[in-house]
PDB file of all heavy atoms in Angstrom:
ATOM      1  N   TRP A   1      -2.721  -5.055  11.092  1.00  0.00           N
ATOM      2  CA  TRP A   1      -3.469  -3.820  10.896  1.00  0.00           C
ATOM      3  C   TRP A   1      -4.825  -4.120  10.271  1.00  0.00           C
ATOM      4  O   TRP A   1      -5.004  -5.152   9.614  1.00  0.00           O
ATOM      5  CB  TRP A   1      -2.726  -2.884   9.931  1.00  0.00           C
ATOM      6  CG  TRP A   1      -1.354  -2.493  10.302  1.00  0.00           C
ATOM      7  CD1 TRP A   1      -0.961  -1.356  10.966  1.00  0.00           C
ATOM      8  CD2 TRP A   1      -0.139  -3.208  10.013  1.00  0.00           C
ATOM      9  NE1 TRP A   1       0.399  -1.323  11.100  1.00  0.00           N
ATOM     10  CE2 TRP A   1       0.936  -2.446  10.537  1.00  0.00           C
ATOM     11  CE3 TRP A   1       0.144  -4.413   9.369  1.00  0.00           C
ATOM     12  CZ2 TRP A   1       2.256  -2.846  10.423  1.00  0.00           C
ATOM     13  CZ3 TRP A   1       1.460  -4.828   9.263  1.00  0.00           C
ATOM     14  CH2 TRP A   1       2.496  -4.053   9.786  1.00  0.00           C
ATOM     15  N   LYS A   2      -5.756  -3.213  10.446  1.00  0.00           N
ATOM     16  CA  LYS A   2      -6.970  -3.230   9.647  1.00  0.00           C
ATOM     17  C   LYS A   2      -6.566  -2.875   8.222  1.00  0.00           C
ATOM     18  O   LYS A   2      -5.991  -1.814   7.986  1.00  0.00           O
ATOM     19  CB  LYS A   2      -7.983  -2.226  10.182  1.00  0.00           C
ATOM     20  CG  LYS A   2      -8.673  -2.632  11.472  1.00  0.00           C
ATOM     21  CD  LYS A   2      -9.662  -3.766  11.226  1.00  0.00           C
ATOM     22  CE  LYS A   2     -10.463  -4.077  12.469  1.00  0.00           C
ATOM     23  NZ  LYS A   2     -11.423  -5.193  12.223  1.00  0.00           N
ATOM     24  N   PHE A   3      -6.853  -3.757   7.284  1.00  0.00           N
ATOM     25  CA  PHE A   3      -6.350  -3.597   5.929  1.00  0.00           C
ATOM     26  C   PHE A   3      -6.738  -2.257   5.323  1.00  0.00           C
ATOM     27  O   PHE A   3      -5.903  -1.551   4.742  1.00  0.00           O
ATOM     28  CB  PHE A   3      -6.854  -4.745   5.049  1.00  0.00           C
ATOM     29  CG  PHE A   3      -6.467  -4.632   3.611  1.00  0.00           C
ATOM     30  CD1 PHE A   3      -5.135  -4.712   3.224  1.00  0.00           C
ATOM     31  CD2 PHE A   3      -7.433  -4.443   2.629  1.00  0.00           C
ATOM     32  CE1 PHE A   3      -4.772  -4.608   1.886  1.00  0.00           C
ATOM     33  CE2 PHE A   3      -7.085  -4.341   1.294  1.00  0.00           C
ATOM     34  CZ  PHE A   3      -5.752  -4.425   0.916  1.00  0.00           C
ATOM     35  N   CYS A   4      -7.988  -1.878   5.447  1.00  0.00           N
ATOM     36  CA  CYS A   4      -8.467  -0.668   4.781  1.00  0.00           C
ATOM     37  C   CYS A   4      -7.993   0.616   5.448  1.00  0.00           C
ATOM     38  O   CYS A   4      -8.177   1.709   4.907  1.00  0.00           O
ATOM     39  CB  CYS A   4      -9.993  -0.685   4.705  1.00  0.00           C
ATOM     40  SG  CYS A   4     -10.627  -1.972   3.603  1.00  0.00           S
ATOM     41  N   GLU A   5      -7.372   0.507   6.639  1.00  0.00           N
ATOM     42  CA  GLU A   5      -6.887   1.688   7.353  1.00  0.00           C
ATOM     43  C   GLU A   5      -5.370   1.839   7.261  1.00  0.00           C
ATOM     44  O   GLU A   5      -4.803   2.792   7.802  1.00  0.00           O
ATOM     45  CB  GLU A   5      -7.298   1.609   8.825  1.00  0.00           C
ATOM     46  CG  GLU A   5      -8.810   1.574   9.045  1.00  0.00           C
ATOM     47  CD  GLU A   5      -9.179   1.386  10.505  1.00  0.00           C
ATOM     48  OE1 GLU A   5      -8.246   1.306  11.346  1.00  0.00           O
ATOM     49  OE2 GLU A   5     -10.378   1.301  10.807  1.00  0.00           O
ATOM     50  N   MET A   6      -4.705   0.920   6.564  1.00  0.00           N
ATOM     51  CA  MET A   6      -3.243   0.899   6.568  1.00  0.00           C
ATOM     52  C   MET A   6      -2.612   2.153   5.986  1.00  0.00           C
ATOM     53  O   MET A   6      -1.558   2.587   6.423  1.00  0.00           O
ATOM     54  CB  MET A   6      -2.736  -0.323   5.796  1.00  0.00           C
ATOM     55  CG  MET A   6      -2.886  -1.624   6.546  1.00  0.00           C
ATOM     56  SD  MET A   6      -2.336  -3.052   5.559  1.00  0.00           S
ATOM     57  CE  MET A   6      -0.620  -2.629   5.243  1.00  0.00           C
ATOM     58  N   GLU A   7      -3.245   2.751   4.981  1.00  0.00           N
ATOM     59  CA  GLU A   7      -2.626   3.867   4.279  1.00  0.00           C
ATOM     60  C   GLU A   7      -3.464   5.143   4.346  1.00  0.00           C
ATOM     61  O   GLU A   7      -3.350   6.004   3.479  1.00  0.00           O
ATOM     62  CB  GLU A   7      -2.388   3.488   2.814  1.00  0.00           C
ATOM     63  CG  GLU A   7      -1.420   2.349   2.642  1.00  0.00           C
ATOM     64  CD  GLU A   7      -1.054   2.113   1.188  1.00  0.00           C
ATOM     65  OE1 GLU A   7      -1.952   2.221   0.326  1.00  0.00           O
ATOM     66  OE2 GLU A   7       0.114   1.840   0.920  1.00  0.00           O
ATOM     67  N   GLU A   8      -4.262   5.283   5.381  1.00  0.00           N
ATOM     68  CA  GLU A   8      -5.138   6.455   5.483  1.00  0.00           C
ATOM     69  C   GLU A   8      -4.375   7.764   5.531  1.00  0.00           C
ATOM     70  O   GLU A   8      -4.861   8.801   5.083  1.00  0.00           O
ATOM     71  CB  GLU A   8      -6.036   6.326   6.715  1.00  0.00           C
ATOM     72  CG  GLU A   8      -7.186   5.344   6.539  1.00  0.00           C
ATOM     73  CD  GLU A   8      -8.133   5.373   7.718  1.00  0.00           C
ATOM     74  OE1 GLU A   8      -7.695   5.796   8.824  1.00  0.00           O
ATOM     75  OE2 GLU A   8      -9.307   4.975   7.557  1.00  0.00           O
ATOM     76  N   GLU A   9      -3.162   7.752   6.085  1.00  0.00           N
ATOM     77  CA  GLU A   9      -2.382   8.981   6.230  1.00  0.00           C
ATOM     78  C   GLU A   9      -1.476   9.252   5.026  1.00  0.00           C
ATOM     79  O   GLU A   9      -0.797  10.277   4.984  1.00  0.00           O
ATOM     80  CB  GLU A   9      -1.544   8.917   7.508  1.00  0.00           C
ATOM     81  CG  GLU A   9      -2.398   8.818   8.781  1.00  0.00           C
ATOM     82  CD  GLU A   9      -1.551   8.777  10.034  1.00  0.00           C
ATOM     83  OE1 GLU A   9      -0.308   8.862   9.905  1.00  0.00           O
ATOM     84  OE2 GLU A   9      -2.122   8.665  11.127  1.00  0.00           O
ATOM     85  N   GLU A  10      -1.455   8.347   4.061  1.00  0.00           N
ATOM     86  CA  GLU A  10      -0.624   8.524   2.877  1.00  0.00           C
ATOM     87  C   GLU A  10      -1.336   9.415   1.853  1.00  0.00           C
ATOM     88  O   GLU A  10      -2.561   9.498   1.815  1.00  0.00           O
ATOM     89  CB  GLU A  10      -0.323   7.163   2.230  1.00  0.00           C
ATOM     90  CG  GLU A  10       0.447   6.205   3.121  1.00  0.00           C
ATOM     91  CD  GLU A  10       1.920   6.553   3.200  1.00  0.00           C
ATOM     92  OE1 GLU A  10       2.391   7.361   2.380  1.00  0.00           O
ATOM     93  OE2 GLU A  10       2.599   6.004   4.087  1.00  0.00           O
ATOM     94  N   ASP A  11      -0.528  10.119   1.036  1.00  0.00           N
ATOM     95  CA  ASP A  11      -1.095  10.865  -0.082  1.00  0.00           C
ATOM     96  C   ASP A  11      -1.696   9.886  -1.082  1.00  0.00           C
ATOM     97  O   ASP A  11      -1.215   8.759  -1.233  1.00  0.00           O
ATOM     98  CB  ASP A  11      -0.019  11.703  -0.774  1.00  0.00           C
ATOM     99  CG  ASP A  11       0.543  12.783   0.147  1.00  0.00           C
ATOM    100  OD1 ASP A  11      -0.200  13.219   1.050  1.00  0.00           O
ATOM    101  OD2 ASP A  11       1.723  13.159  -0.031  1.00  0.00           O
ATOM    102  N   ASP A  12      -2.731  10.322  -1.789  1.00  0.00           N
ATOM    103  CA  ASP A  12      -3.410   9.433  -2.727  1.00  0.00           C
ATOM    104  C   ASP A  12      -2.461   8.849  -3.761  1.00  0.00           C
ATOM    105  O   ASP A  12      -2.584   7.686  -4.148  1.00  0.00           O
ATOM    106  CB  ASP A  12      -4.546  10.188  -3.445  1.00  0.00           C
ATOM    107  CG  ASP A  12      -5.769  10.352  -2.549  1.00  0.00           C
ATOM    108  OD1 ASP A  12      -5.761   9.773  -1.440  1.00  0.00           O
ATOM    109  OD2 ASP A  12      -6.717  11.038  -2.962  1.00  0.00           O
ATOM    110  N   GLU A  13      -1.483   9.637  -4.201  1.00  0.00           N
ATOM    111  CA  GLU A  13      -0.557   9.150  -5.229  1.00  0.00           C
ATOM    112  C   GLU A  13       0.393   8.090  -4.694  1.00  0.00           C
ATOM    113  O   GLU A  13       1.006   7.349  -5.470  1.00  0.00           O
ATOM    114  CB  GLU A  13       0.240  10.312  -5.813  1.00  0.00           C
ATOM    115  CG  GLU A  13       1.021  11.092  -4.766  1.00  0.00           C
ATOM    116  CD  GLU A  13       1.499  12.433  -5.305  1.00  0.00           C
ATOM    117  OE1 GLU A  13       0.781  13.030  -6.107  1.00  0.00           O
ATOM    118  OE2 GLU A  13       2.596  12.846  -4.908  1.00  0.00           O
ATOM    119  N   GLU A  14       0.531   7.995  -3.363  1.00  0.00           N
ATOM    120  CA  GLU A  14       1.403   6.998  -2.755  1.00  0.00           C
ATOM    121  C   GLU A  14       0.627   5.753  -2.325  1.00  0.00           C
ATOM    122  O   GLU A  14       1.216   4.716  -2.027  1.00  0.00           O
ATOM    123  CB  GLU A  14       2.117   7.587  -1.530  1.00  0.00           C
ATOM    124  CG  GLU A  14       3.009   8.774  -1.826  1.00  0.00           C
ATOM    125  CD  GLU A  14       4.244   8.366  -2.612  1.00  0.00           C
ATOM    126  OE1 GLU A  14       4.663   7.199  -2.480  1.00  0.00           O
ATOM    127  OE2 GLU A  14       4.774   9.217  -3.355  1.00  0.00           O
ATOM    128  N   ARG A  15      -0.697   5.833  -2.303  1.00  0.00           N
ATOM    129  CA  ARG A  15      -1.523   4.740  -1.801  1.00  0.00           C
ATOM    130  C   ARG A  15      -1.808   3.707  -2.877  1.00  0.00           C
ATOM    131  O   ARG A  15      -1.804   4.002  -4.061  1.00  0.00           O
ATOM    132  CB  ARG A  15      -2.856   5.279  -1.264  1.00  0.00           C
ATOM    133  CG  ARG A  15      -2.742   6.141  -0.031  1.00  0.00           C
ATOM    134  CD  ARG A  15      -4.100   6.677   0.390  1.00  0.00           C
ATOM    135  NE  ARG A  15      -5.034   5.610   0.695  1.00  0.00           N
ATOM    136  CZ  ARG A  15      -6.308   5.826   1.050  1.00  0.00           C
ATOM    137  NH1 ARG A  15      -6.778   7.062   1.107  1.00  0.00           N
ATOM    138  NH2 ARG A  15      -7.104   4.813   1.328  1.00  0.00           N
ATOM    139  N   TRP A  16      -2.080   2.476  -2.437  1.00  0.00           N
ATOM    140  CA  TRP A  16      -2.558   1.443  -3.340  1.00  0.00           C
ATOM    141  C   TRP A  16      -3.788   0.739  -2.778  1.00  0.00           C
ATOM    142  O   TRP A  16      -4.378  -0.116  -3.443  1.00  0.00           O
ATOM    143  CB  TRP A  16      -1.457   0.430  -3.642  1.00  0.00           C
ATOM    144  CG  TRP A  16      -0.966  -0.365  -2.470  1.00  0.00           C
ATOM    145  CD1 TRP A  16      -0.049   0.024  -1.538  1.00  0.00           C
ATOM    146  CD2 TRP A  16      -1.361  -1.696  -2.107  1.00  0.00           C
ATOM    147  NE1 TRP A  16       0.149  -0.962  -0.603  1.00  0.00           N
ATOM    148  CE2 TRP A  16      -0.634  -2.039  -0.931  1.00  0.00           C
ATOM    149  CE3 TRP A  16      -2.243  -2.632  -2.643  1.00  0.00           C
ATOM    150  CZ2 TRP A  16      -0.781  -3.271  -0.288  1.00  0.00           C
ATOM    151  CZ3 TRP A  16      -2.387  -3.858  -2.011  1.00  0.00           C
ATOM    152  CH2 TRP A  16      -1.661  -4.168  -0.851  1.00  0.00           C
ATOM    153  N   ILE A  17      -4.196   1.121  -1.563  1.00  0.00           N
ATOM    154  CA  ILE A  17      -5.376   0.525  -0.933  1.00  0.00           C
ATOM    155  C   ILE A  17      -6.514   1.540  -0.930  1.00  0.00           C
ATOM    156  O   ILE A  17      -6.401   2.611  -0.317  1.00  0.00           O
ATOM    157  CB  ILE A  17      -5.070   0.082   0.513  1.00  0.00           C
ATOM    158  CG1 ILE A  17      -3.943  -0.955   0.528  1.00  0.00           C
ATOM    159  CG2 ILE A  17      -6.322  -0.491   1.174  1.00  0.00           C
ATOM    160  CD1 ILE A  17      -3.458  -1.313   1.918  1.00  0.00           C
ATOM    161  N   PHE A  18      -7.584   1.207  -1.619  1.00  0.00           N
ATOM    162  CA  PHE A  18      -8.769   2.069  -1.667  1.00  0.00           C
ATOM    163  C   PHE A  18     -10.006   1.188  -1.491  1.00  0.00           C
ATOM    164  O   PHE A  18     -10.517   0.610  -2.451  1.00  0.00           O
ATOM    165  CB  PHE A  18      -8.845   2.834  -2.992  1.00  0.00           C
ATOM    166  CG  PHE A  18      -7.725   3.814  -3.199  1.00  0.00           C
ATOM    167  CD1 PHE A  18      -6.579   3.436  -3.874  1.00  0.00           C
ATOM    168  CD2 PHE A  18      -7.813   5.113  -2.704  1.00  0.00           C
ATOM    169  CE1 PHE A  18      -5.539   4.339  -4.066  1.00  0.00           C
ATOM    170  CE2 PHE A  18      -6.781   6.012  -2.884  1.00  0.00           C
ATOM    171  CZ  PHE A  18      -5.639   5.627  -3.569  1.00  0.00           C
ATOM    172  N   CYS A  19     -10.438   1.017  -0.250  1.00  0.00           N
ATOM    173  CA  CYS A  19     -11.597   0.175   0.046  1.00  0.00           C
ATOM    174  C   CYS A  19     -12.901   0.969  -0.144  1.00  0.00           C
ATOM    175  O   CYS A  19     -12.898   2.197  -0.044  1.00  0.00           O
ATOM    176  CB  CYS A  19     -11.519  -0.339   1.480  1.00  0.00           C
ATOM    177  SG  CYS A  19     -10.119  -1.460   1.773  1.00  0.00           S
ATOM    178  N   PRO A  20     -14.029   0.270  -0.371  1.00  0.00           N
ATOM    179  CA  PRO A  20     -14.153  -1.190  -0.516  1.00  0.00           C
ATOM    180  C   PRO A  20     -13.804  -1.642  -1.927  1.00  0.00           C
ATOM    181  O   PRO A  20     -13.776  -0.833  -2.855  1.00  0.00           O
ATOM    182  CB  PRO A  20     -15.633  -1.414  -0.217  1.00  0.00           C
ATOM    183  CG  PRO A  20     -16.301  -0.160  -0.709  1.00  0.00           C
ATOM    184  CD  PRO A  20     -15.335   0.948  -0.402  1.00  0.00           C
ATOM    185  N   TYR A  21     -13.551  -2.940  -2.070  1.00  0.00           N
ATOM    186  CA  TYR A  21     -13.278  -3.537  -3.377  1.00  0.00           C
ATOM    187  C   TYR A  21     -14.466  -4.401  -3.786  1.00  0.00           C
ATOM    188  O   TYR A  21     -14.846  -5.326  -3.063  1.00  0.00           O
ATOM    189  CB  TYR A  21     -12.007  -4.396  -3.334  1.00  0.00           C
ATOM    190  CG  TYR A  21     -10.750  -3.582  -3.211  1.00  0.00           C
ATOM    191  CD1 TYR A  21     -10.133  -3.408  -1.980  1.00  0.00           C
ATOM    192  CD2 TYR A  21     -10.172  -2.986  -4.326  1.00  0.00           C
ATOM    193  CE1 TYR A  21      -8.971  -2.654  -1.867  1.00  0.00           C
ATOM    194  CE2 TYR A  21      -9.014  -2.229  -4.222  1.00  0.00           C
ATOM    195  CZ  TYR A  21      -8.423  -2.071  -2.992  1.00  0.00           C
ATOM    196  OH  TYR A  21      -7.276  -1.325  -2.878  1.00  0.00           O
ATOM    197  N   LYS A  22     -15.041  -4.086  -4.922  1.00  0.00           N
ATOM    198  CA  LYS A  22     -16.136  -4.892  -5.449  1.00  0.00           C
ATOM    199  C   LYS A  22     -15.574  -6.168  -6.067  1.00  0.00           C
ATOM    200  O   LYS A  22     -14.380  -6.250  -6.377  1.00  0.00           O
ATOM    201  CB  LYS A  22     -16.909  -4.091  -6.495  1.00  0.00           C
ATOM    202  CG  LYS A  22     -17.600  -2.856  -5.933  1.00  0.00           C
ATOM    203  CD  LYS A  22     -18.362  -2.113  -7.026  1.00  0.00           C
ATOM    204  CE  LYS A  22     -19.069  -0.889  -6.451  1.00  0.00           C
ATOM    205  NZ  LYS A  22     -19.827  -0.145  -7.493  1.00  0.00           N
ATOM    206  N   PRO A  23     -16.413  -7.176  -6.262  1.00  0.00           N
ATOM    207  CA  PRO A  23     -15.928  -8.405  -6.901  1.00  0.00           C
ATOM    208  C   PRO A  23     -15.310  -8.100  -8.268  1.00  0.00           C
ATOM    209  O   PRO A  23     -15.847  -7.313  -9.040  1.00  0.00           O
ATOM    210  CB  PRO A  23     -17.199  -9.242  -7.040  1.00  0.00           C
ATOM    211  CG  PRO A  23     -18.097  -8.758  -5.947  1.00  0.00           C
ATOM    212  CD  PRO A  23     -17.827  -7.284  -5.840  1.00  0.00           C
ATOM    213  N   GLY A  24     -14.165  -8.700  -8.540  1.00  0.00           N
ATOM    214  CA  GLY A  24     -13.483  -8.451  -9.803  1.00  0.00           C
ATOM    215  C   GLY A  24     -11.993  -8.647  -9.669  1.00  0.00           C
ATOM    216  O   GLY A  24     -11.483  -9.055  -8.617  1.00  0.00           O
ATOM    217  N   SER A  25     -11.272  -8.357 -10.750  1.00  0.00           N
ATOM    218  CA  SER A  25      -9.824  -8.538 -10.795  1.00  0.00           C
ATOM    219  C   SER A  25      -9.111  -7.201 -10.621  1.00  0.00           C
ATOM    220  O   SER A  25      -9.541  -6.188 -11.172  1.00  0.00           O
ATOM    221  CB  SER A  25      -9.416  -9.183 -12.125  1.00  0.00           C
ATOM    222  OG  SER A  25      -9.991 -10.472 -12.247  1.00  0.00           O
ATOM    223  N   TYR A  26      -8.012  -7.235  -9.869  1.00  0.00           N
ATOM    224  CA  TYR A  26      -7.240  -6.030  -9.584  1.00  0.00           C
ATOM    225  C   TYR A  26      -5.750  -6.326  -9.771  1.00  0.00           C
ATOM    226  O   TYR A  26      -5.292  -7.445  -9.518  1.00  0.00           O
ATOM    227  CB  TYR A  26      -7.493  -5.547  -8.159  1.00  0.00           C
ATOM    228  CG  TYR A  26      -8.924  -5.159  -7.888  1.00  0.00           C
ATOM    229  CD1 TYR A  26      -9.859  -6.125  -7.478  1.00  0.00           C
ATOM    230  CD2 TYR A  26      -9.360  -3.848  -8.050  1.00  0.00           C
ATOM    231  CE1 TYR A  26     -11.185  -5.791  -7.235  1.00  0.00           C
ATOM    232  CE2 TYR A  26     -10.684  -3.498  -7.812  1.00  0.00           C
ATOM    233  CZ  TYR A  26     -11.582  -4.471  -7.406  1.00  0.00           C
ATOM    234  OH  TYR A  26     -12.896  -4.130  -7.180  1.00  0.00           O
ATOM    235  N   SER A  27      -5.021  -5.313 -10.222  1.00  0.00           N
ATOM    236  CA  SER A  27      -3.577  -5.434 -10.400  1.00  0.00           C
ATOM    237  C   SER A  27      -2.886  -4.281  -9.700  1.00  0.00           C
ATOM    238  O   SER A  27      -3.331  -3.130  -9.800  1.00  0.00           O
ATOM    239  CB  SER A  27      -3.203  -5.430 -11.891  1.00  0.00           C
ATOM    240  OG  SER A  27      -3.724  -6.569 -12.545  1.00  0.00           O
ATOM    241  N   TRP A  28      -1.797  -4.582  -9.004  1.00  0.00           N
ATOM    242  CA  TRP A  28      -1.035  -3.557  -8.300  1.00  0.00           C
ATOM    243  C   TRP A  28       0.456  -3.724  -8.598  1.00  0.00           C
ATOM    244  O   TRP A  28       0.950  -4.837  -8.781  1.00  0.00           O
ATOM    245  CB  TRP A  28      -1.229  -3.663  -6.791  1.00  0.00           C
ATOM    246  CG  TRP A  28      -2.593  -3.310  -6.294  1.00  0.00           C
ATOM    247  CD1 TRP A  28      -3.184  -2.079  -6.319  1.00  0.00           C
ATOM    248  CD2 TRP A  28      -3.545  -4.190  -5.675  1.00  0.00           C
ATOM    249  NE1 TRP A  28      -4.434  -2.142  -5.750  1.00  0.00           N
ATOM    250  CE2 TRP A  28      -4.682  -3.416  -5.358  1.00  0.00           C
ATOM    251  CE3 TRP A  28      -3.538  -5.546  -5.359  1.00  0.00           C
ATOM    252  CZ2 TRP A  28      -5.802  -3.969  -4.740  1.00  0.00           C
ATOM    253  CZ3 TRP A  28      -4.650  -6.092  -4.754  1.00  0.00           C
ATOM    254  CH2 TRP A  28      -5.758  -5.312  -4.449  1.00  0.00           C
ATOM    255  N   VAL A  29       1.159  -2.598  -8.596  1.00  0.00           N
ATOM    256  CA  VAL A  29       2.620  -2.577  -8.610  1.00  0.00           C
ATOM    257  C   VAL A  29       3.032  -1.681  -7.455  1.00  0.00           C
ATOM    258  O   VAL A  29       2.707  -0.487  -7.432  1.00  0.00           O
ATOM    259  CB  VAL A  29       3.183  -2.034  -9.939  1.00  0.00           C
ATOM    260  CG1 VAL A  29       4.710  -1.989  -9.879  1.00  0.00           C
ATOM    261  CG2 VAL A  29       2.718  -2.893 -11.111  1.00  0.00           C
ATOM    262  N   ILE A  30       3.731  -2.248  -6.481  1.00  0.00           N
ATOM    263  CA  ILE A  30       4.018  -1.556  -5.222  1.00  0.00           C
ATOM    264  C   ILE A  30       5.522  -1.444  -5.023  1.00  0.00           C
ATOM    265  O   ILE A  30       6.229  -2.463  -4.988  1.00  0.00           O
ATOM    266  CB  ILE A  30       3.388  -2.310  -4.026  1.00  0.00           C
ATOM    267  CG1 ILE A  30       1.899  -2.578  -4.291  1.00  0.00           C
ATOM    268  CG2 ILE A  30       3.585  -1.524  -2.739  1.00  0.00           C
ATOM    269  CD1 ILE A  30       1.345  -3.713  -3.473  1.00  0.00           C
ATOM    270  N   ASP A  31       6.019  -0.222  -4.895  1.00  0.00           N
ATOM    271  CA  ASP A  31       7.447   0.020  -4.668  1.00  0.00           C
ATOM    272  C   ASP A  31       7.707   0.285  -3.191  1.00  0.00           C
ATOM    273  O   ASP A  31       6.991   1.082  -2.563  1.00  0.00           O
ATOM    274  CB  ASP A  31       7.926   1.223  -5.483  1.00  0.00           C
ATOM    275  CG  ASP A  31       7.878   0.954  -6.985  1.00  0.00           C
ATOM    276  OD1 ASP A  31       8.686   0.141  -7.450  1.00  0.00           O
ATOM    277  OD2 ASP A  31       7.023   1.544  -7.671  1.00  0.00           O
ATOM    278  N   ARG A  32       8.721  -0.356  -2.645  1.00  0.00           N
ATOM    279  CA  ARG A  32       9.111  -0.133  -1.260  1.00  0.00           C
ATOM    280  C   ARG A  32      10.633  -0.087  -1.166  1.00  0.00           C
ATOM    281  O   ARG A  32      11.325  -1.022  -1.581  1.00  0.00           O
ATOM    282  CB  ARG A  32       8.573  -1.235  -0.344  1.00  0.00           C
ATOM    283  CG  ARG A  32       7.075  -1.176  -0.107  1.00  0.00           C
ATOM    284  CD  ARG A  32       6.690   0.008   0.754  1.00  0.00           C
ATOM    285  NE  ARG A  32       5.273   0.051   1.046  1.00  0.00           N
ATOM    286  CZ  ARG A  32       4.366   0.709   0.323  1.00  0.00           C
ATOM    287  NH1 ARG A  32       4.762   1.371  -0.757  1.00  0.00           N
ATOM    288  NH2 ARG A  32       3.103   0.711   0.670  1.00  0.00           N
ATOM    289  N   LYS A  33      11.162   0.998  -0.624  1.00  0.00           N
ATOM    290  CA  LYS A  33      12.600   1.140  -0.433  1.00  0.00           C
ATOM    291  C   LYS A  33      13.086   0.184   0.652  1.00  0.00           C
ATOM    292  O   LYS A  33      12.473   0.062   1.717  1.00  0.00           O
ATOM    293  CB  LYS A  33      12.927   2.588  -0.032  1.00  0.00           C
ATOM    294  CG  LYS A  33      14.358   2.832   0.403  1.00  0.00           C
ATOM    295  CD  LYS A  33      15.346   2.626  -0.722  1.00  0.00           C
ATOM    296  CE  LYS A  33      16.772   2.936  -0.295  1.00  0.00           C
ATOM    297  NZ  LYS A  33      17.752   2.545  -1.328  1.00  0.00           N
ATOM    298  N   ILE A  34      14.186  -0.521   0.393  1.00  0.00           N
ATOM    299  CA  ILE A  34      14.848  -1.317   1.424  1.00  0.00           C
ATOM    300  C   ILE A  34      15.876  -0.406   2.091  1.00  0.00           C
ATOM    301  O   ILE A  34      16.832   0.026   1.441  1.00  0.00           O
ATOM    302  CB  ILE A  34      15.523  -2.560   0.821  1.00  0.00           C
ATOM    303  CG1 ILE A  34      14.460  -3.470   0.197  1.00  0.00           C
ATOM    304  CG2 ILE A  34      16.326  -3.304   1.887  1.00  0.00           C
ATOM    305  CD1 ILE A  34      15.019  -4.707  -0.483  1.00  0.00           C
ATOM    306  N   PRO A  35      15.670  -0.050   3.354  1.00  0.00           N
ATOM    307  CA  PRO A  35      16.527   0.958   4.004  1.00  0.00           C
ATOM    308  C   PRO A  35      18.012   0.625   3.943  1.00  0.00           C
ATOM    309  O   PRO A  35      18.415  -0.524   4.155  1.00  0.00           O
ATOM    310  CB  PRO A  35      16.020   0.969   5.453  1.00  0.00           C
ATOM    311  CG  PRO A  35      14.612   0.461   5.373  1.00  0.00           C
ATOM    312  CD  PRO A  35      14.630  -0.553   4.261  1.00  0.00           C
ATOM    313  N   ASN A  36      18.805   1.643   3.660  1.00  0.00           N
ATOM    314  CA  ASN A  36      20.255   1.459   3.587  1.00  0.00           C
ATOM    315  C   ASN A  36      20.879   1.191   4.953  1.00  0.00           C
ATOM    316  O   ASN A  36      21.999   0.686   5.042  1.00  0.00           O
ATOM    317  CB  ASN A  36      20.913   2.693   2.965  1.00  0.00           C
ATOM    318  CG  ASN A  36      20.525   2.889   1.510  1.00  0.00           C
ATOM    319  OD1 ASN A  36      20.188   1.938   0.822  1.00  0.00           O
ATOM    320  ND2 ASN A  36      20.571   4.129   1.044  1.00  0.00           N
ATOM    321  N   TYR A  37      20.162   1.552   6.030  1.00  0.00           N
ATOM    322  CA  TYR A  37      20.734   1.404   7.363  1.00  0.00           C
ATOM    323  C   TYR A  37      20.552  -0.007   7.941  1.00  0.00           C
ATOM    324  O   TYR A  37      21.051  -0.302   9.027  1.00  0.00           O
ATOM    325  CB  TYR A  37      20.125   2.423   8.332  1.00  0.00           C
ATOM    326  CG  TYR A  37      18.617   2.371   8.449  1.00  0.00           C
ATOM    327  CD1 TYR A  37      17.970   1.371   9.170  1.00  0.00           C
ATOM    328  CD2 TYR A  37      17.835   3.335   7.825  1.00  0.00           C
ATOM    329  CE1 TYR A  37      16.595   1.327   9.265  1.00  0.00           C
ATOM    330  CE2 TYR A  37      16.452   3.311   7.918  1.00  0.00           C
ATOM    331  CZ  TYR A  37      15.845   2.307   8.640  1.00  0.00           C
ATOM    332  OH  TYR A  37      14.468   2.275   8.731  1.00  0.00           O
ATOM    333  N   LEU A  38      19.850  -0.897   7.240  1.00  0.00           N
ATOM    334  CA  LEU A  38      19.678  -2.246   7.765  1.00  0.00           C
ATOM    335  C   LEU A  38      21.024  -2.965   7.813  1.00  0.00           C
ATOM    336  O   LEU A  38      21.819  -2.868   6.880  1.00  0.00           O
ATOM    337  CB  LEU A  38      18.715  -3.039   6.880  1.00  0.00           C
ATOM    338  CG  LEU A  38      17.241  -2.626   6.894  1.00  0.00           C
ATOM    339  CD1 LEU A  38      16.448  -3.520   5.954  1.00  0.00           C
ATOM    340  CD2 LEU A  38      16.672  -2.699   8.297  1.00  0.00           C
ATOM    341  N   PRO A  39      21.292  -3.698   8.876  1.00  0.00           N
ATOM    342  CA  PRO A  39      22.554  -4.453   8.947  1.00  0.00           C
ATOM    343  C   PRO A  39      22.564  -5.607   7.956  1.00  0.00           C
ATOM    344  O   PRO A  39      21.519  -6.095   7.516  1.00  0.00           O
ATOM    345  CB  PRO A  39      22.586  -4.957  10.396  1.00  0.00           C
ATOM    346  CG  PRO A  39      21.161  -4.964  10.829  1.00  0.00           C
ATOM    347  CD  PRO A  39      20.503  -3.815  10.119  1.00  0.00           C
ATOM    348  N   LYS A  40      23.761  -6.041   7.596  1.00  0.00           N
ATOM    349  CA  LYS A  40      23.900  -7.163   6.674  1.00  0.00           C
ATOM    350  C   LYS A  40      23.356  -8.435   7.320  1.00  0.00           C
ATOM    351  O   LYS A  40      23.418  -8.624   8.536  1.00  0.00           O
ATOM    352  CB  LYS A  40      25.367  -7.353   6.291  1.00  0.00           C
ATOM    353  CG  LYS A  40      25.918  -6.239   5.416  1.00  0.00           C
ATOM    354  CD  LYS A  40      27.254  -6.615   4.791  1.00  0.00           C
ATOM    355  CE  LYS A  40      28.351  -6.718   5.806  1.00  0.00           C
ATOM    356  NZ  LYS A  40      29.684  -6.933   5.177  1.00  0.00           N
TER     357      LYS A  40
END
């Protein structure tokens, strides 16, 4: 995917990508559910 377009349809509170990024340090904590329907 185009990195900066990955979360365009997500609500702001659910997003962690906000381009552009200026030079500097950034920290993220990203939660993702592992679907219960995945086979073992």
